[in-house]
Amino acid sequence: MNVSTINSLFTLFSGETDTSKYEPLVSSAVTHVRNMLREDASSNDIRLDYLCAAIAGFRYTQITCVRNKVAYTYAGTASKEGNSQLEYDFSRELMLEYYKSCADLLNDDNFMFSAVGCCYESGDENES
């Protein structure tokens, strides 16, 4: 993964030009993706850079949405920054799309039962 490319993509996704201010978000995203990477996958795949930037961008959006909500609550007026929910939804969808595009490079730790069934037969059912 190339941090310079990730920072450029983060700027593109977030609109934030001071990437050094948000370096912890980028660093955290890189660590997160590195921990999910399959052993046989190349960490140099460009898709991972996009995923890291999208994750960092999503975290950035979460932070800014909270700031906007606090400003809205404190000032009692709507934020001039735009629709926070819309920004959040777009940022989340972008991140999820990049997760999908990297699916063959990442371990899938999502394990879920869709249903659990049990059939219990007692010998008393036929008694009436």
N, C-alpha and C. Protein backbone atom coordinates (compact mmCIF):
# COMPACT_ATOMS: atom_id res chain seq x y z
N MET A 1 0.84 -1.17 0.00
CA MET A 1 0.00 0.00 0.00
C MET A 1 0.89 1.24 0.00
N ASN A 2 0.47 2.21 -0.75
CA ASN A 2 1.26 3.42 -0.93
C ASN A 2 0.57 4.58 -0.20
N VAL A 3 1.19 5.04 0.90
CA VAL A 3 0.58 6.08 1.74
C VAL A 3 0.39 7.39 0.97
N SER A 4 1.30 7.71 0.07
CA SER A 4 1.16 8.92 -0.72
C SER A 4 -0.09 8.86 -1.60
N THR A 5 -0.31 7.72 -2.23
CA THR A 5 -1.51 7.53 -3.05
C THR A 5 -2.76 7.57 -2.19
N ILE A 6 -2.70 6.92 -1.03
CA ILE A 6 -3.84 6.91 -0.11
C ILE A 6 -4.19 8.33 0.33
N ASN A 7 -3.18 9.13 0.65
CA ASN A 7 -3.42 10.52 1.04
C ASN A 7 -4.06 11.31 -0.09
N SER A 8 -3.60 11.10 -1.31
CA SER A 8 -4.19 11.79 -2.47
C SER A 8 -5.65 11.39 -2.66
N LEU A 9 -5.92 10.11 -2.51
CA LEU A 9 -7.30 9.63 -2.64
C LEU A 9 -8.17 10.13 -1.49
N PHE A 10 -7.61 10.17 -0.29
CA PHE A 10 -8.33 10.72 0.86
C PHE A 10 -8.74 12.16 0.59
N THR A 11 -7.83 12.93 0.03
CA THR A 11 -8.13 14.32 -0.34
C THR A 11 -9.27 14.36 -1.35
N LEU A 12 -9.22 13.48 -2.33
CA LEU A 12 -10.28 13.42 -3.34
C LEU A 12 -11.62 13.07 -2.71
N PHE A 13 -11.64 12.07 -1.83
CA PHE A 13 -12.89 11.60 -1.23
C PHE A 13 -13.45 12.57 -0.19
N SER A 14 -12.58 13.19 0.58
CA SER A 14 -13.03 14.03 1.70
C SER A 14 -13.12 15.51 1.35
N GLY A 15 -12.31 15.95 0.38
CA GLY A 15 -12.22 17.37 0.07
C GLY A 15 -11.29 18.11 1.02
N GLU A 16 -10.70 17.39 1.92
CA GLU A 16 -9.79 17.95 2.93
C GLU A 16 -8.39 18.03 2.32
N THR A 17 -7.78 19.21 2.34
CA THR A 17 -6.46 19.37 1.73
C THR A 17 -5.32 19.15 2.71
N ASP A 18 -5.57 19.31 4.01
CA ASP A 18 -4.54 19.12 5.02
C ASP A 18 -4.57 17.67 5.51
N THR A 19 -3.92 16.78 4.75
CA THR A 19 -3.97 15.37 5.11
C THR A 19 -3.16 15.06 6.37
N SER A 20 -2.17 15.89 6.69
CA SER A 20 -1.38 15.63 7.89
C SER A 20 -2.25 15.72 9.15
N LYS A 21 -3.25 16.55 9.11
CA LYS A 21 -4.18 16.71 10.22
C LYS A 21 -4.96 15.42 10.49
N TYR A 22 -5.19 14.67 9.42
CA TYR A 22 -5.99 13.44 9.52
C TYR A 22 -5.14 12.18 9.32
N GLU A 23 -3.85 12.30 9.51
CA GLU A 23 -2.93 11.16 9.37
C GLU A 23 -3.33 9.98 10.25
N PRO A 24 -3.81 10.20 11.48
CA PRO A 24 -4.23 9.04 12.29
C PRO A 24 -5.37 8.24 11.64
N LEU A 25 -6.26 8.90 10.93
CA LEU A 25 -7.33 8.19 10.25
C LEU A 25 -6.78 7.31 9.13
N VAL A 26 -5.86 7.87 8.37
CA VAL A 26 -5.24 7.12 7.27
C VAL A 26 -4.43 5.96 7.82
N SER A 27 -3.64 6.22 8.85
CA SER A 27 -2.81 5.18 9.46
C SER A 27 -3.67 4.05 10.03
N SER A 28 -4.75 4.42 10.67
CA SER A 28 -5.67 3.42 11.23
C SER A 28 -6.30 2.57 10.12
N ALA A 29 -6.67 3.21 9.02
CA ALA A 29 -7.26 2.49 7.89
C ALA A 29 -6.26 1.52 7.28
N VAL A 30 -5.01 1.95 7.14
CA VAL A 30 -3.97 1.08 6.58
C VAL A 30 -3.77 -0.14 7.49
N THR A 31 -3.70 0.09 8.78
CA THR A 31 -3.53 -1.02 9.74
C THR A 31 -4.72 -1.96 9.67
N HIS A 32 -5.91 -1.42 9.60
CA HIS A 32 -7.13 -2.22 9.51
C HIS A 32 -7.10 -3.12 8.28
N VAL A 33 -6.76 -2.54 7.14
CA VAL A 33 -6.72 -3.32 5.89
C VAL A 33 -5.59 -4.34 5.94
N ARG A 34 -4.45 -3.95 6.46
CA ARG A 34 -3.32 -4.88 6.57
C ARG A 34 -3.71 -6.10 7.41
N ASN A 35 -4.46 -5.88 8.48
CA ASN A 35 -4.88 -6.98 9.35
C ASN A 35 -5.91 -7.88 8.69
N MET A 36 -6.62 -7.37 7.70
CA MET A 36 -7.62 -8.16 6.98
C MET A 36 -7.06 -8.89 5.76
N LEU A 37 -5.86 -8.52 5.35
CA LEU A 37 -5.26 -9.02 4.12
C LEU A 37 -4.98 -10.52 4.19
N ARG A 38 -5.34 -11.22 3.14
CA ARG A 38 -5.02 -12.65 3.05
C ARG A 38 -3.52 -12.83 2.94
N GLU A 39 -3.04 -13.96 3.40
CA GLU A 39 -1.60 -14.23 3.36
C GLU A 39 -1.07 -14.27 1.93
N ASP A 40 -1.87 -14.75 0.99
CA ASP A 40 -1.42 -14.89 -0.39
C ASP A 40 -1.69 -13.64 -1.24
N ALA A 41 -2.25 -12.60 -0.64
CA ALA A 41 -2.58 -11.38 -1.39
C ALA A 41 -1.42 -10.40 -1.36
N SER A 42 -1.27 -9.66 -2.44
CA SER A 42 -0.23 -8.65 -2.54
C SER A 42 -0.71 -7.34 -1.92
N SER A 43 0.11 -6.80 -1.03
CA SER A 43 -0.25 -5.52 -0.41
C SER A 43 -0.02 -4.35 -1.37
N ASN A 44 0.54 -4.62 -2.54
CA ASN A 44 0.79 -3.59 -3.54
C ASN A 44 -0.37 -3.40 -4.52
N ASP A 45 -1.44 -4.16 -4.35
CA ASP A 45 -2.60 -4.03 -5.23
C ASP A 45 -3.23 -2.65 -5.03
N ILE A 46 -3.39 -1.91 -6.10
CA ILE A 46 -3.88 -0.53 -6.05
C ILE A 46 -5.27 -0.43 -5.43
N ARG A 47 -6.06 -1.49 -5.54
CA ARG A 47 -7.40 -1.48 -4.95
C ARG A 47 -7.35 -1.25 -3.45
N LEU A 48 -6.29 -1.73 -2.81
CA LEU A 48 -6.15 -1.56 -1.36
C LEU A 48 -5.94 -0.09 -0.99
N ASP A 49 -5.26 0.65 -1.85
CA ASP A 49 -5.08 2.09 -1.62
C ASP A 49 -6.43 2.79 -1.63
N TYR A 50 -7.27 2.42 -2.59
CA TYR A 50 -8.60 3.01 -2.66
C TYR A 50 -9.43 2.64 -1.44
N LEU A 51 -9.33 1.38 -1.02
CA LEU A 51 -10.07 0.94 0.16
C LEU A 51 -9.62 1.70 1.40
N CYS A 52 -8.32 1.83 1.60
CA CYS A 52 -7.80 2.56 2.76
C CYS A 52 -8.29 4.00 2.76
N ALA A 53 -8.23 4.64 1.61
CA ALA A 53 -8.69 6.03 1.51
C ALA A 53 -10.19 6.14 1.77
N ALA A 54 -10.95 5.17 1.28
CA ALA A 54 -12.40 5.19 1.50
C ALA A 54 -12.74 4.97 2.97
N ILE A 55 -12.01 4.08 3.64
CA ILE A 55 -12.23 3.86 5.07
C ILE A 55 -11.89 5.13 5.85
N ALA A 56 -10.74 5.73 5.55
CA ALA A 56 -10.35 6.97 6.21
C ALA A 56 -11.36 8.08 5.91
N GLY A 57 -11.84 8.12 4.67
CA GLY A 57 -12.85 9.11 4.30
C GLY A 57 -14.16 8.90 5.04
N PHE A 58 -14.53 7.65 5.26
CA PHE A 58 -15.75 7.35 6.00
C PHE A 58 -15.60 7.80 7.46
N ARG A 59 -14.45 7.50 8.06
CA ARG A 59 -14.20 7.93 9.44
C ARG A 59 -14.20 9.46 9.53
N TYR A 60 -13.62 10.11 8.54
CA TYR A 60 -13.62 11.57 8.47
C TYR A 60 -15.06 12.10 8.42
N THR A 61 -15.88 11.47 7.60
CA THR A 61 -17.27 11.88 7.47
C THR A 61 -18.02 11.69 8.79
N GLN A 62 -17.74 10.59 9.47
CA GLN A 62 -18.37 10.38 10.78
C GLN A 62 -18.02 11.52 11.73
N ILE A 63 -16.76 11.91 11.75
CA ILE A 63 -16.31 12.99 12.62
C ILE A 63 -16.97 14.31 12.25
N THR A 64 -16.97 14.63 10.96
CA THR A 64 -17.53 15.91 10.54
C THR A 64 -19.05 15.95 10.72
N CYS A 65 -19.70 14.82 10.55
CA CYS A 65 -21.15 14.78 10.78
C CYS A 65 -21.48 15.05 12.24
N VAL A 66 -20.68 14.50 13.13
CA VAL A 66 -20.88 14.75 14.56
C VAL A 66 -20.62 16.22 14.86
N ARG A 67 -19.56 16.77 14.29
CA ARG A 67 -19.28 18.20 14.49
C ARG A 67 -20.43 19.06 13.99
N ASN A 68 -20.95 18.73 12.83
CA ASN A 68 -22.08 19.49 12.27
C ASN A 68 -23.31 19.37 13.14
N LYS A 69 -23.54 18.19 13.69
CA LYS A 69 -24.69 17.97 14.56
C LYS A 69 -24.55 18.79 15.84
N VAL A 70 -23.35 18.80 16.40
CA VAL A 70 -23.09 19.59 17.60
C VAL A 70 -23.28 21.07 17.30
N ALA A 71 -22.77 21.53 16.16
CA ALA A 71 -22.93 22.94 15.77
C ALA A 71 -24.40 23.26 15.58
N TYR A 72 -25.13 22.34 15.00
CA TYR A 72 -26.56 22.55 14.78
C TYR A 72 -27.28 22.66 16.12
N THR A 73 -26.97 21.75 17.03
CA THR A 73 -27.61 21.75 18.34
C THR A 73 -27.24 23.01 19.13
N TYR A 74 -25.97 23.36 19.09
CA TYR A 74 -25.49 24.49 19.87
C TYR A 74 -26.04 25.82 19.34
N ALA A 75 -25.98 26.00 18.05
CA ALA A 75 -26.39 27.27 17.45
C ALA A 75 -27.89 27.34 17.19
N GLY A 76 -28.52 26.18 17.08
CA GLY A 76 -29.96 26.17 16.82
C GLY A 76 -30.32 26.43 15.37
N THR A 77 -29.34 26.40 14.50
CA THR A 77 -29.61 26.61 13.08
C THR A 77 -29.02 25.45 12.29
N ALA A 78 -29.48 25.30 11.07
CA ALA A 78 -28.98 24.23 10.21
C ALA A 78 -27.55 24.51 9.81
N SER A 79 -26.80 23.45 9.61
CA SER A 79 -25.41 23.57 9.22
C SER A 79 -25.29 24.11 7.80
N LYS A 80 -24.31 24.96 7.58
CA LYS A 80 -24.04 25.47 6.23
C LYS A 80 -23.21 24.49 5.43
N GLU A 81 -22.74 23.44 6.09
CA GLU A 81 -21.86 22.47 5.44
C GLU A 81 -22.63 21.52 4.52
N GLY A 82 -23.92 21.45 4.63
CA GLY A 82 -24.68 20.56 3.77
C GLY A 82 -25.42 19.52 4.58
N ASN A 83 -25.95 18.56 3.89
CA ASN A 83 -26.73 17.51 4.51
C ASN A 83 -25.81 16.42 5.04
N SER A 84 -25.62 16.36 6.34
CA SER A 84 -24.71 15.40 6.96
C SER A 84 -25.12 13.96 6.69
N GLN A 85 -26.41 13.67 6.74
CA GLN A 85 -26.87 12.30 6.51
C GLN A 85 -26.53 11.85 5.09
N LEU A 86 -26.71 12.72 4.13
CA LEU A 86 -26.40 12.41 2.74
C LEU A 86 -24.90 12.16 2.57
N GLU A 87 -24.09 13.01 3.17
CA GLU A 87 -22.64 12.85 3.11
C GLU A 87 -22.24 11.51 3.73
N TYR A 88 -22.83 11.20 4.87
CA TYR A 88 -22.54 9.95 5.57
C TYR A 88 -22.91 8.75 4.69
N ASP A 89 -24.10 8.78 4.11
CA ASP A 89 -24.57 7.67 3.28
C ASP A 89 -23.67 7.47 2.06
N PHE A 90 -23.30 8.56 1.38
CA PHE A 90 -22.43 8.44 0.22
C PHE A 90 -21.06 7.89 0.61
N SER A 91 -20.52 8.39 1.69
CA SER A 91 -19.21 7.95 2.16
C SER A 91 -19.23 6.46 2.53
N ARG A 92 -20.30 6.05 3.18
CA ARG A 92 -20.45 4.64 3.57
C ARG A 92 -20.57 3.74 2.34
N GLU A 93 -21.38 4.16 1.38
CA GLU A 93 -21.55 3.37 0.15
C GLU A 93 -20.24 3.25 -0.62
N LEU A 94 -19.48 4.33 -0.69
CA LEU A 94 -18.19 4.30 -1.36
C LEU A 94 -17.27 3.28 -0.69
N MET A 95 -17.20 3.33 0.62
CA MET A 95 -16.36 2.40 1.36
C MET A 95 -16.80 0.95 1.11
N LEU A 96 -18.10 0.70 1.17
CA LEU A 96 -18.60 -0.66 0.95
C LEU A 96 -18.30 -1.17 -0.46
N GLU A 97 -18.37 -0.28 -1.44
CA GLU A 97 -18.04 -0.67 -2.82
C GLU A 97 -16.56 -1.07 -2.94
N TYR A 98 -15.69 -0.33 -2.26
CA TYR A 98 -14.27 -0.69 -2.29
C TYR A 98 -14.00 -1.97 -1.52
N TYR A 99 -14.74 -2.23 -0.46
CA TYR A 99 -14.63 -3.53 0.22
C TYR A 99 -14.99 -4.65 -0.75
N LYS A 100 -16.06 -4.46 -1.50
CA LYS A 100 -16.48 -5.47 -2.48
C LYS A 100 -15.41 -5.68 -3.53
N SER A 101 -14.81 -4.58 -4.00
CA SER A 101 -13.80 -4.71 -5.06
C SER A 101 -12.54 -5.42 -4.56
N CYS A 102 -12.32 -5.42 -3.26
CA CYS A 102 -11.14 -6.05 -2.67
C CYS A 102 -11.45 -7.40 -2.03
N ALA A 103 -12.63 -7.92 -2.24
CA ALA A 103 -13.07 -9.13 -1.55
C ALA A 103 -12.10 -10.30 -1.74
N ASP A 104 -11.51 -10.42 -2.92
CA ASP A 104 -10.60 -11.54 -3.17
C ASP A 104 -9.24 -11.36 -2.49
N LEU A 105 -8.98 -10.19 -1.94
CA LEU A 105 -7.71 -9.92 -1.25
C LEU A 105 -7.83 -9.98 0.27
N LEU A 106 -9.07 -9.99 0.76
CA LEU A 106 -9.30 -9.87 2.20
C LEU A 106 -9.88 -11.14 2.79
N ASN A 107 -9.54 -11.40 4.05
CA ASN A 107 -10.16 -12.49 4.79
C ASN A 107 -11.59 -12.09 5.11
N ASP A 108 -12.48 -13.04 5.02
CA ASP A 108 -13.88 -12.78 5.36
C ASP A 108 -14.14 -13.30 6.76
N ASP A 109 -14.21 -12.39 7.71
CA ASP A 109 -14.43 -12.78 9.10
C ASP A 109 -15.89 -12.67 9.50
N ASN A 110 -16.74 -12.37 8.53
CA ASN A 110 -18.17 -12.27 8.83
C ASN A 110 -18.77 -13.66 8.80
N PHE A 111 -19.14 -14.15 9.96
CA PHE A 111 -19.76 -15.45 10.07
C PHE A 111 -21.10 -15.25 10.75
N MET A 112 -22.14 -15.74 10.10
CA MET A 112 -23.46 -15.50 10.65
C MET A 112 -24.35 -16.69 10.33
N PHE A 113 -25.13 -17.08 11.31
CA PHE A 113 -26.16 -18.08 11.07
C PHE A 113 -27.37 -17.36 10.51
N SER A 114 -27.91 -17.87 9.41
CA SER A 114 -29.12 -17.25 8.89
C SER A 114 -30.35 -17.83 9.57
N ALA A 115 -30.22 -19.07 10.04
CA ALA A 115 -31.32 -19.69 10.78
C ALA A 115 -30.80 -20.90 11.52
N VAL A 116 -31.39 -21.16 12.63
CA VAL A 116 -31.07 -22.35 13.40
C VAL A 116 -32.38 -23.05 13.67
N GLY A 117 -32.42 -24.30 13.32
CA GLY A 117 -33.66 -25.03 13.54
C GLY A 117 -33.42 -26.27 14.38
N CYS A 118 -34.48 -26.71 15.00
CA CYS A 118 -34.38 -27.89 15.82
C CYS A 118 -35.70 -28.64 15.72
N CYS A 119 -35.58 -29.87 15.57
CA CYS A 119 -36.78 -30.69 15.51
C CYS A 119 -36.71 -31.67 16.66
N TYR A 120 -37.67 -31.59 17.54
CA TYR A 120 -37.68 -32.47 18.71
C TYR A 120 -38.93 -33.30 18.64
N GLU A 121 -38.74 -34.58 18.62
CA GLU A 121 -39.90 -35.48 18.59
C GLU A 121 -40.00 -36.16 19.92
N SER A 122 -41.17 -36.11 20.49
CA SER A 122 -41.38 -36.84 21.74
C SER A 122 -42.32 -37.98 21.47
N GLY A 123 -42.22 -38.96 22.24
CA GLY A 123 -43.10 -40.11 22.08
C GLY A 123 -44.54 -39.84 22.50
N ASP A 124 -44.80 -38.68 23.08
CA ASP A 124 -46.13 -38.36 23.59
C ASP A 124 -47.03 -37.70 22.55
N GLU A 125 -46.52 -37.42 21.34
CA GLU A 125 -47.29 -36.68 20.35
C GLU A 125 -48.52 -37.43 19.88
N ASN A 126 -48.46 -38.75 19.82
CA ASN A 126 -49.56 -39.54 19.27
C ASN A 126 -50.63 -39.85 20.32
N GLU A 127 -50.37 -39.52 21.54
CA GLU A 127 -51.35 -39.81 22.59
C GLU A 127 -52.42 -38.73 22.57
N SER A 128 -53.66 -39.16 22.55
CA SER A 128 -54.78 -38.23 22.57
C SER A 128 -55.79 -38.65 23.59
